[in-house]
Protein backbone atom coordinates (compact mmCIF):
# COMPACT_ATOMS: atom_id res chain seq x y z
CA MET A 1 -7.08 -16.99 -8.22
CA ASN A 2 -3.88 -17.59 -9.60
CA LEU A 3 -3.46 -14.84 -12.91
CA MET A 4 0.28 -14.64 -13.96
CA PRO A 5 1.23 -11.77 -16.27
CA PRO A 6 3.26 -12.68 -19.63
CA ARG A 7 6.68 -14.25 -19.55
CA ALA A 8 8.14 -11.11 -20.80
CA ALA A 9 6.65 -8.95 -18.45
CA MET A 10 7.81 -11.07 -15.51
CA GLU A 11 11.17 -11.55 -16.86
CA ARG A 12 11.52 -7.79 -17.20
CA ALA A 13 10.23 -7.14 -13.63
CA PHE A 14 12.26 -9.64 -11.92
CA LEU A 15 15.50 -8.25 -13.69
CA THR A 16 14.60 -4.62 -12.71
CA GLY A 17 13.64 -5.85 -9.04
CA ASP A 18 10.25 -4.16 -9.57
CA ARG A 19 8.35 -4.80 -6.16
CA THR A 20 5.14 -3.73 -7.86
CA PHE A 21 5.02 -7.46 -8.89
CA ASP A 22 5.39 -8.86 -5.68
CA GLY A 23 2.68 -11.41 -4.97
CA LEU A 24 2.03 -11.96 -8.65
CA PHE A 25 4.48 -14.82 -9.38
CA VAL A 26 8.18 -16.05 -7.99
CA ALA A 27 11.29 -17.13 -10.01
CA GLY A 28 12.92 -20.08 -9.78
CA VAL A 29 16.78 -19.94 -10.08
CA ARG A 30 17.80 -22.87 -11.73
CA THR A 31 21.51 -22.51 -10.77
CA THR A 32 20.84 -22.02 -7.24
CA GLY A 33 17.49 -24.02 -6.60
CA ILE A 34 16.09 -21.17 -5.15
CA PHE A 35 12.93 -18.88 -5.74
CA CYS A 36 12.49 -15.12 -5.23
CA ARG A 37 10.10 -12.65 -5.18
CA PRO A 38 10.69 -9.91 -8.12
CA SER A 39 12.15 -7.10 -6.35
CA CYS A 40 14.46 -9.53 -4.23
CA PRO A 41 17.78 -7.65 -3.94
CA ALA A 42 20.32 -10.49 -4.72
CA ARG A 43 22.24 -10.74 -7.81
CA LYS A 44 19.91 -11.48 -10.41
CA ALA A 45 20.50 -14.85 -12.74
CA LYS A 46 20.51 -14.83 -16.65
CA PRO A 47 17.06 -15.19 -18.07
CA GLN A 48 17.79 -18.57 -19.37
CA HIS A 49 18.26 -19.80 -16.05
CA LEU A 50 14.71 -18.56 -14.95
CA ASP A 51 11.22 -20.62 -14.29
CA TYR A 52 8.00 -18.76 -13.14
CA PHE A 53 5.55 -19.88 -10.83
CA ALA A 54 2.02 -18.36 -9.66
CA THR A 55 2.64 -19.22 -6.00
CA PRO A 56 5.56 -20.29 -3.72
CA SER A 57 3.83 -23.74 -3.22
CA GLU A 58 4.14 -24.38 -6.89
CA ALA A 59 7.85 -23.59 -6.89
CA ARG A 60 8.27 -25.49 -3.74
CA SER A 61 6.76 -28.27 -5.82
CA ALA A 62 8.96 -27.90 -9.05
CA GLY A 63 11.75 -28.54 -6.29
CA TYR A 64 12.65 -24.89 -5.15
CA ARG A 65 13.57 -23.88 -1.94
CA SER A 66 12.80 -20.33 -0.35
CA CYS A 67 15.32 -17.50 -0.51
CA ARG A 68 16.35 -16.01 2.81
CA ARG A 69 17.02 -12.74 1.80
CA CYS A 70 13.55 -11.54 0.18
CA GLU A 71 11.32 -14.21 1.94
CA PRO A 72 8.97 -14.80 -0.70
CA GLU A 73 6.63 -16.96 1.09
CA ALA A 74 5.67 -14.03 3.08
CA GLN A 75 2.46 -12.18 2.33
CA PRO A 76 3.40 -8.95 -0.06
CA GLY A 77 3.69 -5.98 2.59
CA SER A 78 3.80 -7.76 5.97
CA VAL A 79 6.56 -7.42 8.33
CA PRO A 80 9.58 -9.63 7.09
CA ASN A 81 10.30 -12.34 9.98
CA TRP A 82 13.60 -10.98 10.66
CA LEU A 83 12.09 -7.75 11.67
CA GLU A 84 9.11 -9.11 13.74
CA PRO A 85 11.06 -9.00 16.95
CA LEU A 86 11.81 -5.12 16.45
CA PHE A 87 7.91 -4.34 15.90
CA ARG A 88 6.95 -6.39 18.99
CA ARG A 89 9.35 -4.01 20.95
CA LEU A 90 7.94 -0.84 19.28
CA GLU A 91 4.32 -1.52 20.39
CA SER A 92 5.34 -2.51 23.94
CA GLU A 93 7.82 0.45 24.21
CA PRO A 94 6.67 2.77 21.84
CA ASP A 95 8.30 5.87 23.28
CA ARG A 96 11.76 4.32 23.68
CA ARG A 97 14.55 5.96 21.99
CA TRP A 98 16.88 3.61 19.89
CA ASP A 99 20.53 3.62 18.86
CA GLY A 100 22.34 1.13 16.45
CA GLY A 101 24.04 -0.84 19.88
CA GLN A 102 20.30 -1.47 20.81
CA LEU A 103 19.41 -2.81 17.38
CA ARG A 104 22.34 -5.29 17.17
CA GLU A 105 21.31 -6.63 20.58
CA LEU A 106 18.16 -7.96 18.94
CA GLY A 107 20.40 -9.35 16.14
CA LEU A 108 19.79 -6.66 13.35
CA GLU A 109 21.88 -4.65 11.25
CA PRO A 110 21.21 -1.04 11.74
CA ALA A 111 21.91 -0.25 8.20
CA ARG A 112 19.39 -3.19 6.78
CA VAL A 113 17.02 -1.74 9.39
CA ARG A 114 17.28 1.71 7.80
CA ARG A 115 17.04 0.51 4.35
CA TRP A 116 13.86 -1.31 5.07
CA PHE A 117 12.31 1.54 6.53
CA GLN A 118 13.26 3.80 3.83
CA GLN A 119 11.70 1.53 1.35
CA ARG A 120 8.63 0.79 3.10
CA HIS A 121 8.00 4.16 4.69
CA GLY A 122 9.98 6.69 2.79
CA MET A 123 11.69 7.68 6.07
CA THR A 124 14.66 6.21 8.34
CA PHE A 125 14.15 4.13 11.62
CA ALA A 126 15.01 7.10 13.71
CA ALA A 127 12.43 9.42 11.66
CA TYR A 128 9.82 6.90 11.92
CA CYS A 129 10.02 6.29 15.57
CA ARG A 130 10.37 10.11 16.29
CA SER A 131 7.01 10.97 13.97
CA ARG A 132 5.13 8.24 15.97
CA ARG A 133 6.64 9.74 19.48
CA LEU A 134 5.53 12.94 18.22
CA GLY A 135 2.09 11.73 17.00
CA ARG A 136 1.48 10.25 20.46
CA ALA A 137 2.33 13.33 22.21
CA LEU A 138 0.19 15.26 20.06
CA GLU A 139 -2.95 13.00 21.30
CA THR A 140 -1.55 13.46 24.78
CA LEU A 141 -2.12 17.08 24.29
CA GLN A 142 -5.77 16.68 23.18
CA THR A 143 -6.94 14.94 25.45
CA GLY A 144 -5.77 17.14 28.03
CA GLY A 145 -2.60 16.38 29.43
CA THR A 146 0.33 18.54 30.09
CA LEU A 147 3.60 19.69 28.60
CA ASP A 148 5.46 17.58 31.25
CA ASP A 149 3.04 14.30 29.97
CA ALA A 150 3.90 15.10 26.82
CA ALA A 151 7.59 16.07 26.71
CA LEU A 152 8.71 13.50 29.22
CA GLY A 153 6.15 10.81 28.80
CA HIS A 154 7.04 10.35 25.12
CA GLY A 155 10.97 9.92 25.37
CA TYR A 156 12.23 13.46 25.45
CA GLU A 157 14.61 15.17 28.11
CA SER A 158 13.92 18.54 27.82
CA HIS A 159 10.98 20.85 27.21
CA SER A 160 13.01 23.01 24.89
CA GLY A 161 14.17 19.76 22.88
CA PHE A 162 10.23 18.84 22.69
CA ARG A 163 9.19 22.11 21.43
CA GLU A 164 11.70 22.21 18.68
CA ALA A 165 11.10 18.48 17.42
CA PHE A 166 7.10 19.39 17.84
CA ARG A 167 7.32 22.79 15.96
CA GLN A 168 9.56 20.67 13.20
CA GLN A 169 7.14 18.16 12.58
CA PHE A 170 3.64 20.12 13.16
CA ALA A 171 4.90 23.58 12.27
CA CYS A 172 3.30 25.06 15.30
CA PRO A 173 3.97 24.99 18.78
CA PRO A 174 2.58 22.53 21.40
CA GLY A 175 0.36 25.36 23.04
CA SER A 176 -1.32 25.04 19.45
CA ALA A 177 -2.07 21.29 19.90
CA ASP A 178 -6.02 21.72 20.31
CA ALA A 179 -6.39 23.25 16.90
CA THR A 180 -3.45 21.13 15.53
CA ARG A 181 -4.88 18.46 12.47
CA CYS A 182 -2.58 15.77 11.00
CA LEU A 183 -2.43 13.01 8.59
CA ARG A 184 -1.87 9.48 10.25
CA ALA A 185 -0.54 6.70 7.95
CA GLU A 186 -0.30 2.98 8.29
CA THR A 187 0.87 0.30 5.55
CA MET A 188 -1.19 -3.01 5.67
CA ALA A 189 -0.40 -6.30 3.77
CA SER A 190 -2.93 -7.46 1.06
CA PRO A 191 -3.01 -10.35 -1.86
CA LEU A 192 -2.15 -7.30 -4.00
CA GLY A 193 1.04 -6.21 -1.94
CA PRO A 194 1.43 -3.48 0.38
CA ILE A 195 -1.54 -0.75 0.46
CA LEU A 196 -0.67 2.40 2.22
CA LEU A 197 -3.65 4.04 4.17
CA ALA A 198 -4.27 7.58 5.34
CA ALA A 199 -6.58 9.69 7.15
CA THR A 200 -7.36 12.83 8.44
CA ASP A 201 -9.99 13.17 11.60
CA SER A 202 -12.52 13.66 8.44
CA GLY A 203 -11.80 10.04 7.25
CA LEU A 204 -10.04 8.22 4.96
CA CYS A 205 -8.02 10.08 2.51
CA LEU A 206 -5.80 7.75 0.47
CA VAL A 207 -5.50 3.87 -0.58
CA SER A 208 -2.62 3.68 -2.35
CA LEU A 209 -1.57 0.08 -4.07
CA ALA A 210 1.71 -0.21 -4.84
CA GLY A 211 2.82 1.69 -8.01
CA ASP A 212 5.77 2.78 -9.68
CA GLU A 213 6.01 5.97 -7.06
CA PRO A 214 8.31 5.49 -4.20
CA PRO A 215 6.28 5.40 -0.72
CA GLY A 216 8.16 8.70 0.19
CA GLU A 217 7.00 10.10 -2.88
CA THR A 218 3.36 9.00 -2.01
CA ARG A 219 3.73 10.42 1.34
CA GLU A 220 5.00 13.69 0.09
CA HIS A 221 2.27 14.53 -2.72
CA LEU A 222 -0.31 13.52 -0.06
CA LYS A 223 1.30 16.26 2.63
CA CYS A 224 0.98 18.92 -0.16
CA ARG A 225 -2.18 18.06 -1.29
CA MET A 226 -3.88 17.82 2.07
CA GLN A 227 -1.80 20.64 3.13
CA LEU A 228 -1.31 18.57 6.80
CA PRO A 229 1.84 16.95 8.69
CA LEU A 230 2.03 13.41 8.34
CA VAL A 231 2.84 10.78 11.48
CA PRO A 232 2.92 6.93 11.09
CA GLY A 233 0.20 5.29 13.29
CA GLY A 234 -3.05 4.11 13.27
CA HIS A 235 -6.41 5.79 13.08
CA PRO A 236 -10.24 4.71 13.62
CA ALA A 237 -10.73 5.49 9.75
CA ILE A 238 -7.67 3.32 8.95
CA GLU A 239 -8.57 0.60 11.16
CA GLN A 240 -12.15 0.17 9.49
CA ALA A 241 -10.74 0.33 6.01
CA LYS A 242 -8.19 -2.40 6.81
CA ALA A 243 -11.23 -4.70 7.97
CA GLU A 244 -13.27 -3.73 5.23
CA LEU A 245 -11.00 -4.21 2.49
CA ALA A 246 -10.05 -7.72 4.19
CA GLU A 247 -13.82 -8.62 3.50
CA TYR A 248 -13.58 -7.30 -0.01
CA PHE A 249 -10.56 -9.44 -0.72
CA ALA A 250 -12.33 -12.33 0.63
CA GLY A 251 -15.36 -11.61 -1.49
CA ARG A 252 -17.63 -11.01 1.65
CA ARG A 253 -18.08 -7.22 0.76
CA ARG A 254 -19.41 -5.33 -2.24
CA GLN A 255 -19.84 -1.79 -0.42
CA PHE A 256 -17.87 0.22 1.94
CA THR A 257 -18.75 2.29 4.70
CA VAL A 258 -15.55 4.02 6.09
CA PRO A 259 -15.81 7.83 6.12
CA LEU A 260 -14.12 9.69 3.26
CA ASP A 261 -12.02 12.53 3.09
CA ALA A 262 -11.50 13.28 -0.82
CA PRO A 263 -11.09 17.21 -1.51
CA GLY A 264 -11.16 18.01 -5.43
CA THR A 265 -12.76 20.37 -8.11
CA GLU A 266 -16.47 19.88 -8.39
CA PHE A 267 -15.83 18.22 -11.61
CA GLN A 268 -13.53 15.80 -9.83
CA GLN A 269 -16.18 15.47 -7.01
CA ARG A 270 -19.04 14.68 -10.20
CA VAL A 271 -16.73 11.84 -11.47
CA TRP A 272 -15.78 10.08 -8.25
CA THR A 273 -19.11 9.73 -7.02
CA ALA A 274 -20.05 8.76 -10.59
CA LEU A 275 -17.37 5.94 -9.91
CA GLN A 276 -18.88 4.90 -6.56
CA ALA A 277 -22.24 4.22 -8.14
CA ILE A 278 -21.11 1.76 -10.71
CA PRO A 279 -22.47 -1.53 -9.38
CA TYR A 280 -19.71 -4.15 -8.18
CA GLY A 281 -19.32 -6.78 -10.94
CA GLU A 282 -19.95 -3.96 -13.56
CA VAL A 283 -17.67 -1.86 -16.13
CA ARG A 284 -18.14 1.47 -17.45
CA SER A 285 -15.99 3.07 -20.32
CA TYR A 286 -14.56 6.55 -20.04
CA ALA A 287 -17.07 7.92 -22.70
CA GLU A 288 -20.12 6.24 -20.80
CA LEU A 289 -18.72 7.63 -17.54
CA ALA A 290 -18.18 11.25 -19.44
CA ARG A 291 -21.91 11.12 -20.37
CA GLU A 292 -23.33 9.98 -16.87
CA VAL A 293 -21.55 13.08 -15.40
CA GLY A 294 -22.89 15.53 -18.06
CA CYS A 295 -19.63 15.87 -20.27
CA ALA A 296 -20.51 13.90 -23.49
CA ASN A 297 -17.15 14.79 -24.99
CA GLY A 298 -15.27 14.79 -21.94
CA GLN A 299 -13.26 11.42 -21.70
CA ARG A 300 -9.83 12.73 -21.49
CA ALA A 301 -11.12 15.08 -18.66
CA VAL A 302 -12.87 12.24 -17.04
CA GLY A 303 -9.47 9.87 -17.37
CA MET A 304 -7.56 12.81 -15.49
CA ALA A 305 -10.36 12.89 -12.66
CA ASN A 306 -10.20 9.20 -12.39
CA GLY A 307 -6.04 9.09 -12.43
CA ALA A 308 -6.59 11.80 -9.79
CA ASN A 309 -8.24 9.79 -7.48
CA ARG A 310 -6.36 8.78 -4.51
CA ILE A 311 -8.59 6.14 -2.78
CA ALA A 312 -8.16 3.07 -4.74
CA ILE A 313 -10.81 0.40 -4.52
CA LEU A 314 -13.17 2.34 -2.37
CA ILE A 315 -13.50 5.04 -4.99
CA PRO A 316 -13.62 2.01 -7.67
CA CYS A 317 -11.39 3.73 -10.61
CA HIS A 318 -10.60 0.16 -11.82
CA ARG A 319 -13.98 -0.52 -13.08
CA VAL A 320 -13.51 1.96 -15.98
CA VAL A 321 -11.68 0.66 -19.06
CA ASN A 322 -11.43 1.70 -22.80
CA THR A 323 -14.02 1.91 -25.00
CA GLY A 324 -12.72 -0.62 -26.92
CA GLY A 325 -12.30 -3.05 -23.87
CA ALA A 326 -9.05 -2.84 -23.18
CA LEU A 327 -7.95 -2.19 -19.73
CA GLY A 328 -6.58 1.51 -20.18
CA GLY A 329 -4.53 2.62 -17.43
CA TYR A 330 -4.04 2.14 -13.72
CA SER A 331 -1.80 3.56 -11.26
CA GLY A 332 -1.39 0.52 -9.25
CA GLY A 333 -0.52 -1.55 -12.48
CA LEU A 334 -2.60 -3.19 -14.94
CA TRP A 335 -2.17 -6.78 -13.48
CA ARG A 336 -4.06 -5.20 -10.04
CA LYS A 337 -6.62 -3.59 -12.07
CA TRP A 338 -7.35 -7.22 -13.53
CA LEU A 339 -7.15 -8.96 -10.43
CA LEU A 340 -10.01 -6.68 -8.89
CA LEU A 341 -12.13 -6.87 -11.83
CA GLU A 342 -11.56 -10.99 -11.81
CA LEU A 343 -12.54 -10.75 -7.96
CA GLU A 344 -15.73 -8.99 -8.54
CA ARG A 345 -16.55 -10.80 -11.77
CA THR A 346 -16.15 -14.13 -9.93
CA GLY A 347 -16.53 -13.80 -6.18
CA THR A 348 -13.49 -16.08 -6.01
CA PRO A 349 -11.93 -14.68 -2.72
CA LEU A 350 -8.44 -13.36 -3.36
CA THR A 351 -6.77 -14.05 0.04
CA PRO A 352 -3.20 -15.07 0.99
CA SER A 353 -4.07 -18.66 1.61
CA ALA A 354 -6.05 -19.01 -1.59
CA ALA A 355 -3.07 -17.10 -3.32
CA GLN A 356 -0.82 -19.74 -1.90
CA THR A 357 -2.51 -23.23 -2.38
CA GLY A 358 -1.41 -23.52 -5.96
CA THR A 359 -4.46 -25.24 -7.24
CA GLY A 360 -5.47 -24.61 -10.82
CA LYS A 361 -3.62 -23.83 -14.11
CA PRO A 362 -2.23 -20.15 -13.84
CA ALA A 363 -3.95 -18.06 -16.62
CA GLN A 364 -2.26 -15.44 -18.88
CA ILE A 365 -2.98 -11.92 -18.29
CA HIS A 366 -3.55 -10.13 -21.48
CA PRO A 367 -4.06 -6.35 -20.84
CA LYS A 368 -5.79 -5.81 -24.50
CA GLU A 369 -8.19 -8.50 -23.64
CA PRO A 370 -11.74 -7.00 -24.67
CA ALA A 371 -13.74 -6.04 -21.40
CA LYS A 372 -16.14 -9.02 -21.81
CA THR A 373 -13.31 -11.48 -20.54
CA LEU A 374 -13.33 -9.52 -17.35
């Protein structure tokens, strides 16, 4: 399924470095013979020197070679090749305290690592590692471990230092760990770009497609809404969601079974329940959805409740379109809404391998096409 935005939209996205378009096209620079993803931080070429392709394989067939800086052939949202050694070490030594010298031993420039974590996770590498250690320490305390196990076993040299860090992260002392709740957050790669997932012990509370909001702001808004501290790391609900989303993108899943934790007003809950009742492959207008929730003239209120949904795809707000058939709005970008509706309409897998085959002529996306074309 190779769908490309209009040329004007691609030109604007590439020249502004819009990461929300990563995975939807690549740009070939004629003067250098290199193709890049839209968010490439390298100096931008003039519009008249650019060619646009649906997939990296199409760009290679046209004689372009891959940019080493933005790695456009990597799946959007995946860990770049240059960072893979560090992530392997993070998994094998999760409680290690890192400094600039240790990063340089791996051939990594600390400033570049810090920028990547700031962009992807909304925090520096040091803050990311510290949050992960504290999250593991919380698990240790909640499963019967001692203060020594939690502090000294997770990279802290003293009880006092651990207590202070724990209090700053969770707003309570380690002695209250049994009653401490927190959010777990993790980013997964997908054919639509990176997806931020978060969960509480009650279930999945966030599925956020790459949109206009920076990752750090998304996390802060989630913390404010849930009134819970957030730490990077896995959770059973996140792992289940990752598996079910992969099946959905491959065209093998039409319903989701992962438990959800979606607090909201009574009206928002009614709208979100109605969204989940829209069958796979079908759409509803805002007016139709308003009638279904018993608010015949409440299209605007329904639209606001739709926009307040923080669990994309699983609570399928992408299945709501304008009465005239236009796509309407979507926080993840209209291109992603179109792709999701096309996936459900045709059943064609939307997977990394399918997205990079380069087969078929790319279709143009026209956001104001009538709903019947979906």
